[in-house]
Every structure is written in C-alpha cells, then in structure tokens.
Amino acid sequence: ALIGRYTALVYTIIRNKAGAYCSEEDIEEAVSDVFISFYNNLSNVD
C-alpha cells in the first residue's frame, strides 16, 4: 500500500535530484532503497 501510494513521489524526487547523472536503473534502485530504508527504520516514524 505504501509503495503504491508513494512511488511516484519518491521517483520524482530522486529523478529531479540525480537523474542528470544517474541511469534509469540507478534511479529505480534508489527508489527501492528508499522503501527498504523506511521499513528498516519503521520504529522511528512518528
């Protein structure tokens, strides 16, 4: 549910910040890393 709702936001941010220097594969990997990092730090979400 989280990924479905927020993937576009996360993708847009990463694309805007790093897209000129990174490949599409790198951007997609970073998007995945965002959700993994969120899940790993779930206890810190308030």
ModelCIF file with pLDDT and N, C-alpha, C, O atoms, coordinates in Angstrom:
data_MODEL
#
_entry.id   MODEL 
#
_entity.id                         1 
_entity.type                       polymer 
_entity.pdbx_number_of_molecules   1 
#
_entity_poly.entity_id                      1 
_entity_poly.type                           'polypeptide(L)' 
_entity_poly.nstd_linkage                   no 
_entity_poly.nstd_monomer                   no 
_entity_poly.pdbx_seq_one_letter_code       ALIGRYTALVYTIIRNKAGAYCSEEDIEEAVSDVFISFYNNLSNVD 
_entity_poly.pdbx_seq_one_letter_code_can   ALIGRYTALVYTIIRNKAGAYCSEEDIEEAVSDVFISFYNNLSNVD 
_entity_poly.pdbx_strand_id                 A 
#
loop_
_entity_poly_seq.entity_id 
_entity_poly_seq.num 
_entity_poly_seq.mon_id 
_entity_poly_seq.hetero 
1 1  ALA n 
1 2  LEU n 
1 3  ILE n 
1 4  GLY n 
1 5  ARG n 
1 6  TYR n 
1 7  THR n 
1 8  ALA n 
1 9  LEU n 
1 10 VAL n 
1 11 TYR n 
1 12 THR n 
1 13 ILE n 
1 14 ILE n 
1 15 ARG n 
1 16 ASN n 
1 17 LYS n 
1 18 ALA n 
1 19 GLY n 
1 20 ALA n 
1 21 TYR n 
1 22 CYS n 
1 23 SER n 
1 24 GLU n 
1 25 GLU n 
1 26 ASP n 
1 27 ILE n 
1 28 GLU n 
1 29 GLU n 
1 30 ALA n 
1 31 VAL n 
1 32 SER n 
1 33 ASP n 
1 34 VAL n 
1 35 PHE n 
1 36 ILE n 
1 37 SER n 
1 38 PHE n 
1 39 TYR n 
1 40 ASN n 
1 41 ASN n 
1 42 LEU n 
1 43 SER n 
1 44 ASN n 
1 45 VAL n 
1 46 ASP n 
#
_struct_asym.id          A 
_struct_asym.entity_id   1 
#
loop_
_ma_qa_metric.id 
_ma_qa_metric.mode 
_ma_qa_metric.name 
_ma_qa_metric.software_group_id 
_ma_qa_metric.type 
1 global pLDDT . pLDDT 
2 local  pLDDT . pLDDT 
#
_ma_qa_metric_global.metric_id      1 
_ma_qa_metric_global.metric_value   87.63 
_ma_qa_metric_global.model_id       1 
_ma_qa_metric_global.ordinal_id     1 
#
loop_
_ma_qa_metric_local.label_asym_id 
_ma_qa_metric_local.label_comp_id 
_ma_qa_metric_local.label_seq_id 
_ma_qa_metric_local.metric_id 
_ma_qa_metric_local.metric_value 
_ma_qa_metric_local.model_id 
_ma_qa_metric_local.ordinal_id 
A ALA 1  2 92.00 1 1  
A LEU 2  2 92.00 1 2  
A ILE 3  2 92.00 1 3  
A GLY 4  2 91.00 1 4  
A ARG 5  2 91.00 1 5  
A TYR 6  2 93.00 1 6  
A THR 7  2 92.00 1 7  
A ALA 8  2 92.00 1 8  
A LEU 9  2 91.00 1 9  
A VAL 10 2 92.00 1 10 
A TYR 11 2 91.00 1 11 
A THR 12 2 90.00 1 12 
A ILE 13 2 89.00 1 13 
A ILE 14 2 88.00 1 14 
A ARG 15 2 86.00 1 15 
A ASN 16 2 85.00 1 16 
A LYS 17 2 81.00 1 17 
A ALA 18 2 79.00 1 18 
A GLY 19 2 73.00 1 19 
A ALA 20 2 71.00 1 20 
A TYR 21 2 72.00 1 21 
A CYS 22 2 76.00 1 22 
A SER 23 2 80.00 1 23 
A GLU 24 2 84.00 1 24 
A GLU 25 2 86.00 1 25 
A ASP 26 2 84.00 1 26 
A ILE 27 2 87.00 1 27 
A GLU 28 2 89.00 1 28 
A GLU 29 2 89.00 1 29 
A ALA 30 2 89.00 1 30 
A VAL 31 2 92.00 1 31 
A SER 32 2 93.00 1 32 
A ASP 33 2 92.00 1 33 
A VAL 34 2 93.00 1 34 
A PHE 35 2 93.00 1 35 
A ILE 36 2 93.00 1 36 
A SER 37 2 92.00 1 37 
A PHE 38 2 92.00 1 38 
A TYR 39 2 92.00 1 39 
A ASN 40 2 91.00 1 40 
A ASN 41 2 89.00 1 41 
A LEU 42 2 88.00 1 42 
A SER 43 2 86.00 1 43 
A ASN 44 2 86.00 1 44 
A VAL 45 2 87.00 1 45 
A ASP 46 2 85.00 1 46 
#
loop_
_atom_site.group_PDB 
_atom_site.id 
_atom_site.type_symbol 
_atom_site.label_atom_id 
_atom_site.label_alt_id 
_atom_site.label_comp_id 
_atom_site.label_asym_id 
_atom_site.label_entity_id 
_atom_site.label_seq_id 
_atom_site.pdbx_PDB_ins_code 
_atom_site.Cartn_x 
_atom_site.Cartn_y 
_atom_site.Cartn_z 
_atom_site.occupancy 
_atom_site.B_iso_or_equiv 
_atom_site.pdbx_formal_charge 
_atom_site.auth_seq_id 
_atom_site.auth_comp_id 
_atom_site.auth_asym_id 
_atom_site.auth_atom_id 
_atom_site.pdbx_PDB_model_num 
ATOM 1   N N  . ALA A 1 1  ? 0.829  -1.207 0.000   1.00 92.00 ? 1  ALA A N  1 
ATOM 2   C CA . ALA A 1 1  ? 0.000  0.000  0.000   1.00 92.00 ? 1  ALA A CA 1 
ATOM 3   C C  . ALA A 1 1  ? 0.865  1.259  0.000   1.00 92.00 ? 1  ALA A C  1 
ATOM 4   O O  . ALA A 1 1  ? 0.588  2.205  -0.737  1.00 92.00 ? 1  ALA A O  1 
ATOM 5   N N  . LEU A 1 2  ? 1.912  1.269  0.828   1.00 92.00 ? 2  LEU A N  1 
ATOM 6   C CA . LEU A 1 2  ? 2.815  2.423  0.902   1.00 92.00 ? 2  LEU A CA 1 
ATOM 7   C C  . LEU A 1 2  ? 3.507  2.658  -0.436  1.00 92.00 ? 2  LEU A C  1 
ATOM 8   O O  . LEU A 1 2  ? 3.570  3.788  -0.919  1.00 92.00 ? 2  LEU A O  1 
ATOM 9   N N  . ILE A 1 3  ? 4.018  1.601  -1.021  1.00 92.00 ? 3  ILE A N  1 
ATOM 10  C CA . ILE A 1 3  ? 4.725  1.703  -2.296  1.00 92.00 ? 3  ILE A CA 1 
ATOM 11  C C  . ILE A 1 3  ? 3.769  2.170  -3.390  1.00 92.00 ? 3  ILE A C  1 
ATOM 12  O O  . ILE A 1 3  ? 4.120  3.022  -4.206  1.00 92.00 ? 3  ILE A O  1 
ATOM 13  N N  . GLY A 1 4  ? 2.576  1.619  -3.402  1.00 91.00 ? 4  GLY A N  1 
ATOM 14  C CA . GLY A 1 4  ? 1.596  2.028  -4.401  1.00 91.00 ? 4  GLY A CA 1 
ATOM 15  C C  . GLY A 1 4  ? 1.229  3.497  -4.296  1.00 91.00 ? 4  GLY A C  1 
ATOM 16  O O  . GLY A 1 4  ? 1.007  4.167  -5.304  1.00 91.00 ? 4  GLY A O  1 
ATOM 17  N N  . ARG A 1 5  ? 1.168  3.989  -3.073  1.00 91.00 ? 5  ARG A N  1 
ATOM 18  C CA . ARG A 1 5  ? 0.761  5.382  -2.858  1.00 91.00 ? 5  ARG A CA 1 
ATOM 19  C C  . ARG A 1 5  ? 1.897  6.378  -3.096  1.00 91.00 ? 5  ARG A C  1 
ATOM 20  O O  . ARG A 1 5  ? 1.661  7.477  -3.598  1.00 91.00 ? 5  ARG A O  1 
ATOM 21  N N  . TYR A 1 6  ? 3.118  6.004  -2.742  1.00 93.00 ? 6  TYR A N  1 
ATOM 22  C CA . TYR A 1 6  ? 4.199  6.995  -2.727  1.00 93.00 ? 6  TYR A CA 1 
ATOM 23  C C  . TYR A 1 6  ? 5.331  6.775  -3.728  1.00 93.00 ? 6  TYR A C  1 
ATOM 24  O O  . TYR A 1 6  ? 6.293  7.544  -3.725  1.00 93.00 ? 6  TYR A O  1 
ATOM 25  N N  . THR A 1 7  ? 5.255  5.775  -4.567  1.00 92.00 ? 7  THR A N  1 
ATOM 26  C CA . THR A 1 7  ? 6.333  5.539  -5.530  1.00 92.00 ? 7  THR A CA 1 
ATOM 27  C C  . THR A 1 7  ? 6.533  6.735  -6.457  1.00 92.00 ? 7  THR A C  1 
ATOM 28  O O  . THR A 1 7  ? 7.670  7.116  -6.733  1.00 92.00 ? 7  THR A O  1 
ATOM 29  N N  . ALA A 1 8  ? 5.452  7.325  -6.937  1.00 92.00 ? 8  ALA A N  1 
ATOM 30  C CA . ALA A 1 8  ? 5.583  8.459  -7.853  1.00 92.00 ? 8  ALA A CA 1 
ATOM 31  C C  . ALA A 1 8  ? 6.308  9.623  -7.190  1.00 92.00 ? 8  ALA A C  1 
ATOM 32  O O  . ALA A 1 8  ? 7.153  10.263 -7.817  1.00 92.00 ? 8  ALA A O  1 
ATOM 33  N N  . LEU A 1 9  ? 5.990  9.901  -5.941  1.00 91.00 ? 9  LEU A N  1 
ATOM 34  C CA . LEU A 1 9  ? 6.655  10.984 -5.210  1.00 91.00 ? 9  LEU A CA 1 
ATOM 35  C C  . LEU A 1 9  ? 8.143  10.693 -5.068  1.00 91.00 ? 9  LEU A C  1 
ATOM 36  O O  . LEU A 1 9  ? 8.979  11.539 -5.385  1.00 91.00 ? 9  LEU A O  1 
ATOM 37  N N  . VAL A 1 10 ? 8.471  9.499  -4.592  1.00 92.00 ? 10 VAL A N  1 
ATOM 38  C CA . VAL A 1 10 ? 9.870  9.122  -4.373  1.00 92.00 ? 10 VAL A CA 1 
ATOM 39  C C  . VAL A 1 10 ? 10.642 9.140  -5.692  1.00 92.00 ? 10 VAL A C  1 
ATOM 40  O O  . VAL A 1 10 ? 11.751 9.669  -5.756  1.00 92.00 ? 10 VAL A O  1 
ATOM 41  N N  . TYR A 1 11 ? 10.062 8.567  -6.732  1.00 91.00 ? 11 TYR A N  1 
ATOM 42  C CA . TYR A 1 11 ? 10.711 8.538  -8.044  1.00 91.00 ? 11 TYR A CA 1 
ATOM 43  C C  . TYR A 1 11 ? 10.987 9.964  -8.541  1.00 91.00 ? 11 TYR A C  1 
ATOM 44  O O  . TYR A 1 11 ? 12.081 10.255 -9.024  1.00 91.00 ? 11 TYR A O  1 
ATOM 45  N N  . THR A 1 12 ? 9.992  10.844 -8.419  1.00 90.00 ? 12 THR A N  1 
ATOM 46  C CA . THR A 1 12 ? 10.145 12.222 -8.897  1.00 90.00 ? 12 THR A CA 1 
ATOM 47  C C  . THR A 1 12 ? 11.271 12.939 -8.163  1.00 90.00 ? 12 THR A C  1 
ATOM 48  O O  . THR A 1 12 ? 12.068 13.642 -8.786  1.00 90.00 ? 12 THR A O  1 
ATOM 49  N N  . ILE A 1 13 ? 11.343 12.771 -6.864  1.00 89.00 ? 13 ILE A N  1 
ATOM 50  C CA . ILE A 1 13 ? 12.395 13.425 -6.085  1.00 89.00 ? 13 ILE A CA 1 
ATOM 51  C C  . ILE A 1 13 ? 13.770 12.927 -6.522  1.00 89.00 ? 13 ILE A C  1 
ATOM 52  O O  . ILE A 1 13 ? 14.671 13.728 -6.769  1.00 89.00 ? 13 ILE A O  1 
ATOM 53  N N  . ILE A 1 14 ? 13.930 11.628 -6.617  1.00 88.00 ? 14 ILE A N  1 
ATOM 54  C CA . ILE A 1 14 ? 15.231 11.072 -6.993  1.00 88.00 ? 14 ILE A CA 1 
ATOM 55  C C  . ILE A 1 14 ? 15.587 11.461 -8.417  1.00 88.00 ? 14 ILE A C  1 
ATOM 56  O O  . ILE A 1 14 ? 16.733 11.815 -8.697  1.00 88.00 ? 14 ILE A O  1 
ATOM 57  N N  . ARG A 1 15 ? 14.624 11.400 -9.312  1.00 86.00 ? 15 ARG A N  1 
ATOM 58  C CA . ARG A 1 15 ? 14.870 11.773 -10.718 1.00 86.00 ? 15 ARG A CA 1 
ATOM 59  C C  . ARG A 1 15 ? 15.298 13.236 -10.816 1.00 86.00 ? 15 ARG A C  1 
ATOM 60  O O  . ARG A 1 15 ? 16.218 13.565 -11.564 1.00 86.00 ? 15 ARG A O  1 
ATOM 61  N N  . ASN A 1 16 ? 14.631 14.118 -10.060 1.00 85.00 ? 16 ASN A N  1 
ATOM 62  C CA . ASN A 1 16 ? 14.963 15.539 -10.104 1.00 85.00 ? 16 ASN A CA 1 
ATOM 63  C C  . ASN A 1 16 ? 16.329 15.828 -9.492  1.00 85.00 ? 16 ASN A C  1 
ATOM 64  O O  . ASN A 1 16 ? 17.036 16.723 -9.955  1.00 85.00 ? 16 ASN A O  1 
ATOM 65  N N  . LYS A 1 17 ? 16.700 15.090 -8.473  1.00 81.00 ? 17 LYS A N  1 
ATOM 66  C CA . LYS A 1 17 ? 17.977 15.337 -7.799  1.00 81.00 ? 17 LYS A CA 1 
ATOM 67  C C  . LYS A 1 17 ? 19.154 14.678 -8.512  1.00 81.00 ? 17 LYS A C  1 
ATOM 68  O O  . LYS A 1 17 ? 20.239 15.255 -8.585  1.00 81.00 ? 17 LYS A O  1 
ATOM 69  N N  . ALA A 1 18 ? 18.942 13.470 -9.038  1.00 79.00 ? 18 ALA A N  1 
ATOM 70  C CA . ALA A 1 18 ? 20.086 12.702 -9.545  1.00 79.00 ? 18 ALA A CA 1 
ATOM 71  C C  . ALA A 1 18 ? 19.951 12.260 -10.991 1.00 79.00 ? 18 ALA A C  1 
ATOM 72  O O  . ALA A 1 18 ? 20.881 11.674 -11.543 1.00 79.00 ? 18 ALA A O  1 
ATOM 73  N N  . GLY A 1 19 ? 18.824 12.525 -11.607 1.00 73.00 ? 19 GLY A N  1 
ATOM 74  C CA . GLY A 1 19 ? 18.538 11.999 -12.940 1.00 73.00 ? 19 GLY A CA 1 
ATOM 75  C C  . GLY A 1 19 ? 19.524 12.377 -14.020 1.00 73.00 ? 19 GLY A C  1 
ATOM 76  O O  . GLY A 1 19 ? 19.767 11.599 -14.942 1.00 73.00 ? 19 GLY A O  1 
ATOM 77  N N  . ALA A 1 20 ? 20.091 13.558 -13.917 1.00 71.00 ? 20 ALA A N  1 
ATOM 78  C CA . ALA A 1 20 ? 21.028 14.002 -14.951 1.00 71.00 ? 20 ALA A CA 1 
ATOM 79  C C  . ALA A 1 20 ? 22.339 13.225 -14.903 1.00 71.00 ? 20 ALA A C  1 
ATOM 80  O O  . ALA A 1 20 ? 23.076 13.189 -15.889 1.00 71.00 ? 20 ALA A O  1 
ATOM 81  N N  . TYR A 1 21 ? 22.633 12.607 -13.768 1.00 72.00 ? 21 TYR A N  1 
ATOM 82  C CA . TYR A 1 21 ? 23.913 11.934 -13.598 1.00 72.00 ? 21 TYR A CA 1 
ATOM 83  C C  . TYR A 1 21 ? 23.785 10.421 -13.441 1.00 72.00 ? 21 TYR A C  1 
ATOM 84  O O  . TYR A 1 21 ? 24.783 9.702  -13.482 1.00 72.00 ? 21 TYR A O  1 
ATOM 85  N N  . CYS A 1 22 ? 22.555 9.942  -13.261 1.00 76.00 ? 22 CYS A N  1 
ATOM 86  C CA . CYS A 1 22 ? 22.343 8.515  -12.993 1.00 76.00 ? 22 CYS A CA 1 
ATOM 87  C C  . CYS A 1 22 ? 21.470 7.881  -14.068 1.00 76.00 ? 22 CYS A C  1 
ATOM 88  O O  . CYS A 1 22 ? 20.639 8.544  -14.689 1.00 76.00 ? 22 CYS A O  1 
ATOM 89  N N  . SER A 1 23 ? 21.672 6.603  -14.269 1.00 80.00 ? 23 SER A N  1 
ATOM 90  C CA . SER A 1 23 ? 20.865 5.863  -15.236 1.00 80.00 ? 23 SER A CA 1 
ATOM 91  C C  . SER A 1 23 ? 19.486 5.575  -14.648 1.00 80.00 ? 23 SER A C  1 
ATOM 92  O O  . SER A 1 23 ? 19.258 5.733  -13.449 1.00 80.00 ? 23 SER A O  1 
ATOM 93  N N  . GLU A 1 24 ? 18.581 5.152  -15.514 1.00 84.00 ? 24 GLU A N  1 
ATOM 94  C CA . GLU A 1 24 ? 17.233 4.784  -15.071 1.00 84.00 ? 24 GLU A CA 1 
ATOM 95  C C  . GLU A 1 24 ? 17.310 3.635  -14.061 1.00 84.00 ? 24 GLU A C  1 
ATOM 96  O O  . GLU A 1 24 ? 16.554 3.605  -13.090 1.00 84.00 ? 24 GLU A O  1 
ATOM 97  N N  . GLU A 1 25 ? 18.208 2.713  -14.292 1.00 86.00 ? 25 GLU A N  1 
ATOM 98  C CA . GLU A 1 25 ? 18.394 1.588  -13.381 1.00 86.00 ? 25 GLU A CA 1 
ATOM 99  C C  . GLU A 1 25 ? 18.852 2.075  -12.005 1.00 86.00 ? 25 GLU A C  1 
ATOM 100 O O  . GLU A 1 25 ? 18.378 1.579  -10.983 1.00 86.00 ? 25 GLU A O  1 
ATOM 101 N N  . ASP A 1 26 ? 19.768 3.041  -11.977 1.00 84.00 ? 26 ASP A N  1 
ATOM 102 C CA . ASP A 1 26 ? 20.235 3.601  -10.710 1.00 84.00 ? 26 ASP A CA 1 
ATOM 103 C C  . ASP A 1 26 ? 19.096 4.293  -9.963  1.00 84.00 ? 26 ASP A C  1 
ATOM 104 O O  . ASP A 1 26 ? 18.988 4.185  -8.742  1.00 84.00 ? 26 ASP A O  1 
ATOM 105 N N  . ILE A 1 27 ? 18.255 4.998  -10.704 1.00 87.00 ? 27 ILE A N  1 
ATOM 106 C CA . ILE A 1 27 ? 17.127 5.697  -10.085 1.00 87.00 ? 27 ILE A CA 1 
ATOM 107 C C  . ILE A 1 27 ? 16.148 4.690  -9.495  1.00 87.00 ? 27 ILE A C  1 
ATOM 108 O O  . ILE A 1 27 ? 15.681 4.863  -8.369  1.00 87.00 ? 27 ILE A O  1 
ATOM 109 N N  . GLU A 1 28 ? 15.835 3.640  -10.249 1.00 89.00 ? 28 GLU A N  1 
ATOM 110 C CA . GLU A 1 28 ? 14.918 2.611  -9.758  1.00 89.00 ? 28 GLU A CA 1 
ATOM 111 C C  . GLU A 1 28 ? 15.496 1.898  -8.527  1.00 89.00 ? 28 GLU A C  1 
ATOM 112 O O  . GLU A 1 28 ? 14.764 1.562  -7.597  1.00 89.00 ? 28 GLU A O  1 
ATOM 113 N N  . GLU A 1 29 ? 16.790 1.676  -8.534  1.00 89.00 ? 29 GLU A N  1 
ATOM 114 C CA . GLU A 1 29 ? 17.442 1.060  -7.377  1.00 89.00 ? 29 GLU A CA 1 
ATOM 115 C C  . GLU A 1 29 ? 17.331 1.974  -6.159  1.00 89.00 ? 29 GLU A C  1 
ATOM 116 O O  . GLU A 1 29 ? 17.078 1.507  -5.048  1.00 89.00 ? 29 GLU A O  1 
ATOM 117 N N  . ALA A 1 30 ? 17.521 3.269  -6.367  1.00 89.00 ? 30 ALA A N  1 
ATOM 118 C CA . ALA A 1 30 ? 17.407 4.229  -5.271  1.00 89.00 ? 30 ALA A CA 1 
ATOM 119 C C  . ALA A 1 30 ? 15.978 4.281  -4.728  1.00 89.00 ? 30 ALA A C  1 
ATOM 120 O O  . ALA A 1 30 ? 15.775 4.401  -3.520  1.00 89.00 ? 30 ALA A O  1 
ATOM 121 N N  . VAL A 1 31 ? 14.994 4.191  -5.616  1.00 92.00 ? 31 VAL A N  1 
ATOM 122 C CA . VAL A 1 31 ? 13.592 4.173  -5.182  1.00 92.00 ? 31 VAL A CA 1 
ATOM 123 C C  . VAL A 1 31 ? 13.358 2.964  -4.278  1.00 92.00 ? 31 VAL A C  1 
ATOM 124 O O  . VAL A 1 31 ? 12.737 3.088  -3.223  1.00 92.00 ? 31 VAL A O  1 
ATOM 125 N N  . SER A 1 32 ? 13.845 1.813  -4.683  1.00 93.00 ? 32 SER A N  1 
ATOM 126 C CA . SER A 1 32 ? 13.716 0.606  -3.852  1.00 93.00 ? 32 SER A CA 1 
ATOM 127 C C  . SER A 1 32 ? 14.422 0.787  -2.513  1.00 93.00 ? 32 SER A C  1 
ATOM 128 O O  . SER A 1 32 ? 13.906 0.393  -1.468  1.00 93.00 ? 32 SER A O  1 
ATOM 129 N N  . ASP A 1 33 ? 15.596 1.382  -2.560  1.00 92.00 ? 33 ASP A N  1 
ATOM 130 C CA . ASP A 1 33 ? 16.362 1.619  -1.333  1.00 92.00 ? 33 ASP A CA 1 
ATOM 131 C C  . ASP A 1 33 ? 15.603 2.515  -0.354  1.00 92.00 ? 33 ASP A C  1 
ATOM 132 O O  . ASP A 1 33 ? 15.712 2.340  0.860   1.00 92.00 ? 33 ASP A O  1 
ATOM 133 N N  . VAL A 1 34 ? 14.839 3.468  -0.875  1.00 93.00 ? 34 VAL A N  1 
ATOM 134 C CA . VAL A 1 34 ? 14.063 4.366  -0.016  1.00 93.00 ? 34 VAL A CA 1 
ATOM 135 C C  . VAL A 1 34 ? 13.051 3.562  0.798   1.00 93.00 ? 34 VAL A C  1 
ATOM 136 O O  . VAL A 1 34 ? 12.939 3.744  2.010   1.00 93.00 ? 34 VAL A O  1 
ATOM 137 N N  . PHE A 1 35 ? 12.323 2.681  0.136   1.00 93.00 ? 35 PHE A N  1 
ATOM 138 C CA . PHE A 1 35 ? 11.301 1.913  0.835   1.00 93.00 ? 35 PHE A CA 1 
ATOM 139 C C  . PHE A 1 35 ? 11.918 0.896  1.800   1.00 93.00 ? 35 PHE A C  1 
ATOM 140 O O  . PHE A 1 35 ? 11.355 0.627  2.861   1.00 93.00 ? 35 PHE A O  1 
ATOM 141 N N  . ILE A 1 36 ? 13.061 0.340  1.438   1.00 93.00 ? 36 ILE A N  1 
ATOM 142 C CA . ILE A 1 36 ? 13.757 -0.575 2.344   1.00 93.00 ? 36 ILE A CA 1 
ATOM 143 C C  . ILE A 1 36 ? 14.224 0.185  3.585   1.00 93.00 ? 36 ILE A C  1 
ATOM 144 O O  . ILE A 1 36 ? 14.068 -0.290 4.709   1.00 93.00 ? 36 ILE A O  1 
ATOM 145 N N  . SER A 1 37 ? 14.793 1.360  3.370   1.00 92.00 ? 37 SER A N  1 
ATOM 146 C CA . SER A 1 37 ? 15.259 2.178  4.485   1.00 92.00 ? 37 SER A CA 1 
ATOM 147 C C  . SER A 1 37 ? 14.096 2.589  5.386   1.00 92.00 ? 37 SER A C  1 
ATOM 148 O O  . SER A 1 37 ? 14.214 2.570  6.611   1.00 92.00 ? 37 SER A O  1 
ATOM 149 N N  . PHE A 1 38 ? 12.973 2.961  4.771   1.00 92.00 ? 38 PHE A N  1 
ATOM 150 C CA . PHE A 1 38 ? 11.782 3.318  5.552   1.00 92.00 ? 38 PHE A CA 1 
ATOM 151 C C  . PHE A 1 38 ? 11.372 2.136  6.430   1.00 92.00 ? 38 PHE A C  1 
ATOM 152 O O  . PHE A 1 38 ? 11.137 2.303  7.626   1.00 92.00 ? 38 PHE A O  1 
ATOM 153 N N  . TYR A 1 39 ? 11.288 0.961  5.845   1.00 92.00 ? 39 TYR A N  1 
ATOM 154 C CA . TYR A 1 39 ? 10.865 -0.229 6.591   1.00 92.00 ? 39 TYR A CA 1 
ATOM 155 C C  . TYR A 1 39 ? 11.853 -0.561 7.712   1.00 92.00 ? 39 TYR A C  1 
ATOM 156 O O  . TYR A 1 39 ? 11.450 -0.907 8.822   1.00 92.00 ? 39 TYR A O  1 
ATOM 157 N N  . ASN A 1 40 ? 13.138 -0.452 7.414   1.00 91.00 ? 40 ASN A N  1 
ATOM 158 C CA . ASN A 1 40 ? 14.151 -0.757 8.423   1.00 91.00 ? 40 ASN A CA 1 
ATOM 159 C C  . ASN A 1 40 ? 14.148 0.230  9.582   1.00 91.00 ? 40 ASN A C  1 
ATOM 160 O O  . ASN A 1 40 ? 14.617 -0.097 10.672  1.00 91.00 ? 40 ASN A O  1 
ATOM 161 N N  . ASN A 1 41 ? 13.630 1.422  9.363   1.00 89.00 ? 41 ASN A N  1 
ATOM 162 C CA . ASN A 1 41 ? 13.590 2.453  10.397  1.00 89.00 ? 41 ASN A CA 1 
ATOM 163 C C  . ASN A 1 41 ? 12.156 2.762  10.830  1.00 89.00 ? 41 ASN A C  1 
ATOM 164 O O  . ASN A 1 41 ? 11.869 3.860  11.306  1.00 89.00 ? 41 ASN A O  1 
ATOM 165 N N  . LEU A 1 42 ? 11.282 1.812  10.664  1.00 88.00 ? 42 LEU A N  1 
ATOM 166 C CA . LEU A 1 42 ? 9.860  1.981  10.971  1.00 88.00 ? 42 LEU A CA 1 
ATOM 167 C C  . LEU A 1 42 ? 9.629  2.437  12.406  1.00 88.00 ? 42 LEU A C  1 
ATOM 168 O O  . LEU A 1 42 ? 8.706  3.209  12.666  1.00 88.00 ? 42 LEU A O  1 
ATOM 169 N N  . SER A 1 43 ? 10.442 1.979  13.327  1.00 86.00 ? 43 SER A N  1 
ATOM 170 C CA . SER A 1 43 ? 10.264 2.337  14.735  1.00 86.00 ? 43 SER A CA 1 
ATOM 171 C C  . SER A 1 43 ? 10.496 3.833  14.979  1.00 86.00 ? 43 SER A C  1 
ATOM 172 O O  . SER A 1 43 ? 10.060 4.361  16.002  1.00 86.00 ? 43 SER A O  1 
ATOM 173 N N  . ASN A 1 44 ? 11.168 4.512  14.067  1.00 86.00 ? 44 ASN A N  1 
ATOM 174 C CA . ASN A 1 44 ? 11.432 5.943  14.220  1.00 86.00 ? 44 ASN A CA 1 
ATOM 175 C C  . ASN A 1 44 ? 10.333 6.824  13.634  1.00 86.00 ? 44 ASN A C  1 
ATOM 176 O O  . ASN A 1 44 ? 10.358 8.042  13.814  1.00 86.00 ? 44 ASN A O  1 
ATOM 177 N N  . VAL A 1 45 ? 9.365  6.225  12.935  1.00 87.00 ? 45 VAL A N  1 
ATOM 178 C CA . VAL A 1 45 ? 8.311  7.002  12.282  1.00 87.00 ? 45 VAL A CA 1 
ATOM 179 C C  . VAL A 1 45 ? 7.295  7.442  13.323  1.00 87.00 ? 45 VAL A C  1 
ATOM 180 O O  . VAL A 1 45 ? 6.700  6.621  14.021  1.00 87.00 ? 45 VAL A O  1 
ATOM 181 N N  . ASP A 1 46 ? 7.110  8.757  13.411  1.00 85.00 ? 46 ASP A N  1 
ATOM 182 C CA . ASP A 1 46 ? 6.151  9.354  14.342  1.00 85.00 ? 46 ASP A CA 1 
ATOM 183 C C  . ASP A 1 46 ? 5.312  10.342 13.545  1.00 85.00 ? 46 ASP A C  1 
ATOM 184 O O  . ASP A 1 46 ? 4.421  10.986 14.101  1.00 85.00 ? 46 ASP A O  1 
#
